[in-house]
Protein backbone atom coordinates (compact mmCIF):
# COMPACT_ATOMS: atom_id res chain seq x y z
CA MET A 1 22.02 -15.52 -106.14
CA PRO A 2 19.84 -16.47 -103.15
CA ARG A 3 18.28 -19.82 -102.40
CA ILE A 4 14.96 -19.70 -100.60
CA THR A 5 13.25 -22.48 -98.69
CA THR A 6 9.65 -23.54 -99.30
CA ARG A 7 7.21 -24.49 -96.56
CA ASP A 8 8.12 -28.18 -97.01
CA GLY A 9 11.85 -27.55 -96.87
CA ILE A 10 12.78 -27.53 -100.58
CA ALA A 11 15.51 -25.09 -101.60
CA LEU A 12 14.76 -23.04 -104.73
CA HIS A 13 17.31 -21.09 -106.74
CA VAL A 14 16.13 -17.49 -107.26
CA GLU A 15 17.54 -14.72 -109.44
CA GLU A 16 16.50 -11.07 -109.61
CA VAL A 17 17.53 -7.89 -111.37
CA GLY A 18 16.24 -4.32 -111.51
CA ASP A 19 14.20 -2.07 -109.25
CA GLY A 20 10.57 -1.03 -109.14
CA THR A 21 7.27 -2.85 -109.18
CA PRO A 22 7.98 -6.61 -108.94
CA ILE A 23 7.38 -9.09 -111.77
CA LEU A 24 7.62 -12.81 -110.98
CA PHE A 25 8.40 -15.00 -114.02
CA ILE A 26 7.49 -18.72 -113.81
CA HIS A 27 9.05 -20.99 -116.43
CA GLU A 28 7.62 -23.79 -118.57
CA PHE A 29 8.40 -27.52 -118.36
CA GLY A 30 10.86 -27.38 -121.26
CA GLY A 31 12.67 -24.33 -119.91
CA ASN A 32 14.08 -23.09 -116.63
CA HIS A 33 14.80 -19.78 -114.96
CA GLU A 34 17.24 -18.87 -117.76
CA SER A 35 14.43 -19.02 -120.34
CA TRP A 36 13.23 -15.58 -119.28
CA GLU A 37 16.43 -13.72 -120.25
CA PRO A 38 14.77 -11.67 -123.06
CA GLN A 39 12.14 -10.49 -120.59
CA LEU A 40 14.58 -9.78 -117.77
CA ARG A 41 16.77 -7.70 -120.08
CA PHE A 42 13.77 -5.67 -121.24
CA PHE A 43 11.74 -5.21 -118.07
CA SER A 44 14.59 -4.80 -115.56
CA ARG A 45 15.08 -1.28 -116.90
CA ARG A 46 12.03 -0.21 -114.90
CA TYR A 47 10.80 -3.23 -112.91
CA ARG A 48 12.16 -5.55 -110.25
CA CYS A 49 12.30 -8.85 -112.15
CA ILE A 50 12.40 -12.17 -110.30
CA THR A 51 12.65 -15.67 -111.68
CA TYR A 52 13.43 -19.04 -110.12
CA ALA A 53 14.11 -22.66 -110.95
CA ALA A 54 11.10 -24.78 -110.00
CA ARG A 55 11.59 -27.77 -107.73
CA GLY A 56 13.06 -30.57 -109.80
CA TYR A 57 15.16 -28.10 -111.82
CA PRO A 58 18.77 -27.67 -110.64
CA PRO A 59 20.24 -25.66 -109.08
CA SER A 60 16.98 -25.97 -107.08
CA ASP A 61 16.47 -29.19 -105.13
CA VAL A 62 15.22 -32.32 -106.89
CA PRO A 63 12.92 -34.23 -104.51
CA LYS A 64 12.82 -37.98 -105.14
CA ASP A 65 9.31 -38.45 -103.69
CA LEU A 66 6.51 -37.98 -106.24
CA GLU A 67 4.21 -36.57 -103.57
CA ARG A 68 6.54 -33.57 -103.23
CA TYR A 69 5.34 -32.46 -106.69
CA GLY A 70 1.89 -31.11 -107.58
CA GLN A 71 -0.02 -28.16 -109.02
CA ALA A 72 -0.97 -26.69 -105.65
CA ILE A 73 2.59 -27.19 -104.41
CA ALA A 74 3.92 -25.34 -107.46
CA ALA A 75 1.60 -22.38 -106.80
CA ASP A 76 2.63 -22.28 -103.15
CA ASP A 77 6.30 -22.34 -104.19
CA ALA A 78 5.74 -19.15 -106.19
CA VAL A 79 4.26 -17.50 -103.11
CA ALA A 80 7.22 -18.74 -101.05
CA VAL A 81 9.58 -16.93 -103.41
CA LEU A 82 7.73 -13.64 -102.88
CA ASP A 83 7.61 -14.22 -99.12
CA ALA A 84 11.36 -14.84 -98.92
CA LEU A 85 12.09 -11.65 -100.86
CA GLY A 86 9.69 -9.58 -98.74
CA ILE A 87 7.38 -8.86 -101.69
CA ASP A 88 3.72 -8.36 -100.88
CA ARG A 89 2.31 -8.27 -104.45
CA ALA A 90 3.71 -8.79 -107.93
CA HIS A 91 2.78 -9.11 -111.56
CA VAL A 92 2.88 -12.89 -112.13
CA VAL A 93 3.92 -14.10 -115.59
CA GLY A 94 3.87 -17.79 -116.48
CA LEU A 95 4.41 -19.79 -119.65
CA SER A 96 2.84 -23.23 -120.19
CA MET A 97 3.46 -25.12 -116.93
CA GLY A 98 4.18 -21.69 -115.47
CA GLY A 99 0.92 -20.39 -116.97
CA PHE A 100 -1.00 -23.08 -115.11
CA CYS A 101 0.93 -22.04 -112.00
CA ALA A 102 -0.13 -18.42 -112.55
CA VAL A 103 -3.79 -19.48 -112.75
CA HIS A 104 -3.55 -21.43 -109.51
CA PHE A 105 -1.57 -18.61 -107.88
CA GLY A 106 -4.54 -16.35 -108.65
CA LEU A 107 -7.07 -18.88 -107.39
CA ARG A 108 -5.21 -19.64 -104.16
CA THR A 109 -3.69 -16.25 -103.27
CA PRO A 110 -5.34 -13.53 -105.39
CA GLU A 111 -4.37 -10.86 -102.88
CA ARG A 112 -0.69 -11.42 -103.79
CA ALA A 113 -1.12 -10.81 -107.54
CA LEU A 114 -1.13 -7.40 -109.19
CA SER A 115 -1.91 -9.21 -112.43
CA LEU A 116 -1.63 -12.61 -114.08
CA THR A 117 -0.15 -13.32 -117.50
CA ILE A 118 -1.17 -16.81 -118.61
CA ALA A 119 0.82 -17.70 -121.74
CA GLY A 120 0.68 -20.93 -123.71
CA ALA A 121 -1.41 -22.73 -121.10
CA GLY A 122 -3.93 -25.41 -121.94
CA TYR A 123 -2.33 -28.80 -122.52
CA GLY A 124 -4.53 -31.50 -121.03
CA CYS A 125 -7.48 -29.16 -120.47
CA GLU A 126 -9.54 -30.13 -123.51
CA LYS A 127 -11.83 -32.93 -122.36
CA ASP A 128 -11.42 -34.85 -125.63
CA PHE A 129 -7.65 -34.99 -125.08
CA GLU A 130 -7.49 -35.14 -121.27
CA GLU A 131 -6.75 -38.85 -120.87
CA TYR A 132 -4.42 -38.87 -123.88
CA PHE A 133 -2.46 -36.00 -122.33
CA ARG A 134 -2.12 -37.77 -119.00
CA GLY A 135 -0.90 -40.90 -120.75
CA VAL A 136 1.59 -39.12 -123.00
CA SER A 137 2.87 -37.13 -120.00
CA ARG A 138 3.70 -40.38 -118.24
CA GLU A 139 5.34 -41.65 -121.44
CA VAL A 140 7.48 -38.50 -121.65
CA ALA A 141 8.48 -39.02 -118.02
CA ASP A 142 9.57 -42.57 -118.84
CA LYS A 143 11.61 -41.31 -121.81
CA PHE A 144 13.50 -38.81 -119.66
CA GLU A 145 14.41 -41.60 -117.25
CA GLN A 146 15.23 -44.21 -119.91
CA LEU A 147 17.12 -42.05 -122.41
CA GLY A 148 18.29 -39.18 -120.23
CA SER A 149 17.71 -35.50 -120.86
CA ALA A 150 20.63 -35.08 -123.29
CA ALA A 151 19.31 -37.76 -125.65
CA PHE A 152 15.60 -36.94 -125.32
CA ALA A 153 15.84 -33.13 -125.55
CA PRO A 154 16.07 -32.95 -129.39
CA ILE A 155 13.06 -35.27 -129.67
CA TYR A 156 10.95 -33.31 -127.19
CA GLY A 157 12.10 -30.03 -128.73
CA SER A 158 10.86 -31.07 -132.18
CA GLY A 159 7.20 -31.30 -131.15
CA ALA A 160 4.36 -29.94 -133.28
CA SER A 161 4.26 -26.64 -131.39
CA ARG A 162 8.07 -26.19 -131.20
CA VAL A 163 8.99 -26.40 -134.90
CA GLN A 164 7.74 -22.83 -135.45
CA PHE A 165 10.53 -21.62 -133.16
CA GLN A 166 13.05 -23.83 -134.97
CA ASN A 167 12.01 -22.45 -138.37
CA LYS A 168 12.10 -18.79 -137.31
CA ASP A 169 15.16 -18.82 -135.09
CA PRO A 170 17.35 -21.93 -135.49
CA LEU A 171 20.00 -20.60 -133.12
CA GLY A 172 17.45 -19.72 -130.45
CA TRP A 173 15.80 -23.12 -130.81
CA GLN A 174 19.19 -24.83 -130.52
CA GLU A 175 19.87 -22.93 -127.30
CA PHE A 176 16.46 -24.06 -126.02
CA VAL A 177 17.27 -27.71 -126.77
CA GLU A 178 20.76 -27.45 -125.28
CA ARG A 179 19.28 -25.97 -122.10
CA LEU A 180 16.68 -28.76 -121.95
CA ALA A 181 19.48 -31.31 -122.37
CA THR A 182 20.99 -30.16 -119.07
CA HIS A 183 17.81 -30.79 -117.07
CA ASP A 184 17.88 -33.36 -114.34
CA SER A 185 16.28 -36.52 -115.77
CA LEU A 186 14.67 -37.50 -112.47
CA GLY A 187 13.38 -33.98 -111.87
CA ALA A 188 11.87 -33.84 -115.37
CA ALA A 189 10.20 -37.22 -114.91
CA MET A 190 8.82 -36.32 -111.48
CA THR A 191 7.53 -32.98 -112.75
CA MET A 192 5.75 -34.68 -115.65
CA ARG A 193 4.15 -37.29 -113.40
CA GLY A 194 3.45 -35.12 -110.38
CA VAL A 195 2.46 -31.78 -111.90
CA GLN A 196 1.61 -32.15 -115.58
CA ALA A 197 -0.21 -35.50 -115.52
CA ARG A 198 -2.26 -34.69 -112.41
CA ARG A 199 -3.28 -31.05 -112.81
CA PRO A 200 -6.99 -30.29 -113.21
CA SER A 201 -8.52 -29.04 -116.43
CA PHE A 202 -9.60 -25.40 -116.54
CA TRP A 203 -13.10 -26.69 -117.25
CA ASP A 204 -13.07 -28.42 -113.84
CA LEU A 205 -12.34 -25.07 -112.16
CA GLU A 206 -15.10 -23.04 -113.79
CA GLU A 207 -16.88 -21.78 -110.67
CA GLU A 208 -13.59 -20.76 -109.04
CA LEU A 209 -12.39 -19.05 -112.21
CA LYS A 210 -15.62 -17.06 -112.50
CA ARG A 211 -14.97 -15.58 -109.05
CA MET A 212 -11.32 -14.71 -109.66
CA THR A 213 -11.14 -11.01 -110.54
CA VAL A 214 -7.37 -10.48 -110.77
CA PRO A 215 -6.51 -8.60 -114.01
CA SER A 216 -5.45 -11.33 -116.43
CA LEU A 217 -3.91 -11.53 -119.88
CA VAL A 218 -3.96 -14.79 -121.85
CA ILE A 219 -1.45 -15.11 -124.70
CA VAL A 220 -1.54 -17.97 -127.21
CA GLY A 221 0.27 -18.79 -130.43
CA ASP A 222 -2.12 -19.54 -133.27
CA GLU A 223 -0.26 -22.77 -134.12
CA ASP A 224 -0.26 -23.96 -130.51
CA ASP A 225 -3.40 -25.95 -131.22
CA HIS A 226 -4.08 -27.41 -127.79
CA CYS A 227 -3.90 -24.01 -126.12
CA LEU A 228 -6.30 -22.16 -128.42
CA GLN A 229 -9.59 -23.48 -127.04
CA PRO A 230 -8.39 -23.29 -123.40
CA GLY A 231 -7.30 -19.70 -124.09
CA LEU A 232 -10.75 -18.81 -125.42
CA TYR A 233 -12.30 -20.56 -122.44
CA LEU A 234 -10.26 -18.50 -119.98
CA LYS A 235 -11.20 -15.30 -121.85
CA ARG A 236 -14.88 -16.16 -121.56
CA THR A 237 -14.69 -17.30 -117.94
CA LEU A 238 -12.31 -14.97 -116.09
CA PRO A 239 -14.09 -11.66 -115.31
CA ALA A 240 -11.08 -9.39 -116.00
CA CYS A 241 -9.37 -11.21 -118.84
CA GLY A 242 -7.94 -10.15 -122.18
CA LEU A 243 -6.79 -12.52 -124.93
CA SER A 244 -4.01 -12.05 -127.46
CA ILE A 245 -3.26 -14.55 -130.23
CA ILE A 246 0.13 -14.19 -131.92
CA PRO A 247 0.06 -15.28 -135.59
CA LYS A 248 2.24 -18.02 -137.08
CA THR A 249 3.54 -18.86 -133.62
CA GLY A 250 3.86 -22.01 -131.54
CA HIS A 251 4.32 -22.78 -127.86
CA THR A 252 7.63 -21.19 -126.90
CA LEU A 253 6.09 -17.73 -127.03
CA ASN A 254 8.48 -15.59 -125.02
CA LEU A 255 11.53 -16.86 -126.93
CA GLU A 256 9.95 -17.31 -130.35
CA GLU A 257 8.46 -13.79 -130.47
CA PRO A 258 10.20 -11.85 -127.66
CA ALA A 259 9.47 -8.37 -129.03
CA ALA A 260 5.74 -9.02 -129.45
CA PHE A 261 5.56 -10.80 -126.09
CA ASN A 262 7.33 -7.96 -124.28
CA ALA A 263 5.15 -5.32 -125.96
CA LEU A 264 1.97 -7.11 -124.89
CA LEU A 265 3.17 -7.37 -121.31
CA ALA A 266 4.32 -3.75 -121.17
CA GLU A 267 0.93 -2.43 -122.32
CA PHE A 268 -0.91 -4.82 -119.99
CA PHE A 269 1.15 -3.77 -116.96
CA ALA A 270 0.64 -0.09 -117.79
CA GLN A 271 -3.12 -0.50 -117.98
CA VAL A 272 -3.26 -2.47 -114.75
CA GLU A 273 -1.11 0.03 -112.89
CA HIS A 274 -3.34 2.90 -114.06
CA GLY A 275 -6.54 1.11 -113.09
CA ALA A 276 -7.64 0.83 -116.72
CA TRP A 277 -7.83 -2.98 -116.96
CA LYS A 278 -11.34 -3.46 -115.67
CA LEU A 279 -13.89 -6.23 -115.36
CA ARG A 280 -15.79 -7.02 -118.54
CA ASP A 281 -18.70 -4.64 -119.07
CA PRO A 282 -21.88 -6.57 -118.17
CA ARG A 283 -23.52 -5.09 -121.27
CA ALA A 284 -21.11 -7.11 -123.45
CA LEU A 285 -23.40 -10.13 -123.48
CA PRO A 286 -21.82 -13.11 -125.26
CA GLY A 287 -25.19 -14.28 -126.64
CA GLU A 288 -26.15 -10.94 -128.18
CA VAL A 289 -25.42 -10.40 -131.88
CA MET A 290 -27.12 -7.03 -132.42
CA LYS A 291 -29.21 -4.89 -130.09
CA THR A 292 -32.80 -4.30 -131.18
CA THR A 293 -34.53 -2.78 -128.14
């Protein structure tokens, strides 16, 4: 599989399968490019599916300098992947850290996105939890360095929004933890400190989000508590946004409920490609309960 080079000289591992309209899949912190296998198997039958390992995730390069990591850098890396493959526009699908990347992809380079799927994104956005999130992100980074990925993966994988996956699909959850155990400890720590702990809240981007008209789909699990309010906020703020909440579901959406996730994406892509996913009707006033005149 090819390795592409970003604008600052970082090599990223890229994989692709299938032909047709391109879909770019961007993985979460706890996953990597292999986390999208259920989606690649499904969508490669009629789409060109691309995924990559973010910087800090082998076999991509693992920069040792913290300033080589950041939210804007991550969004530009996604564009660099499309550039290297000669792709002008793609459906962009991101989960969690990748969902934040999809948002910033749309803000920075909307002309390159056919659509944005923003799944399980919101950690650190709620103002009441913002400083706590930054602190616990730095603590998680320290744990990866002190304990190593192999020892810390089962702890991280047993978080409040991961146990739903464990209860539904113990084998799938075990595969998730085993994959996380192979992550580079330094890369995980640098990603936590440089991307997660420093990214802006959605609430801080309100004016930019209001102007971003790329067709967008937000997907949230109803037991992924710290993504629910950010998901509602994106629905109310992005002009061309739909929101789907999957019941009895946590954070690892695409692996925990692959059939439901794939069905949502397939319908969304079809509507976008047929011009049916439009801006919200201005008559749908949020403050109106019933019309009287």
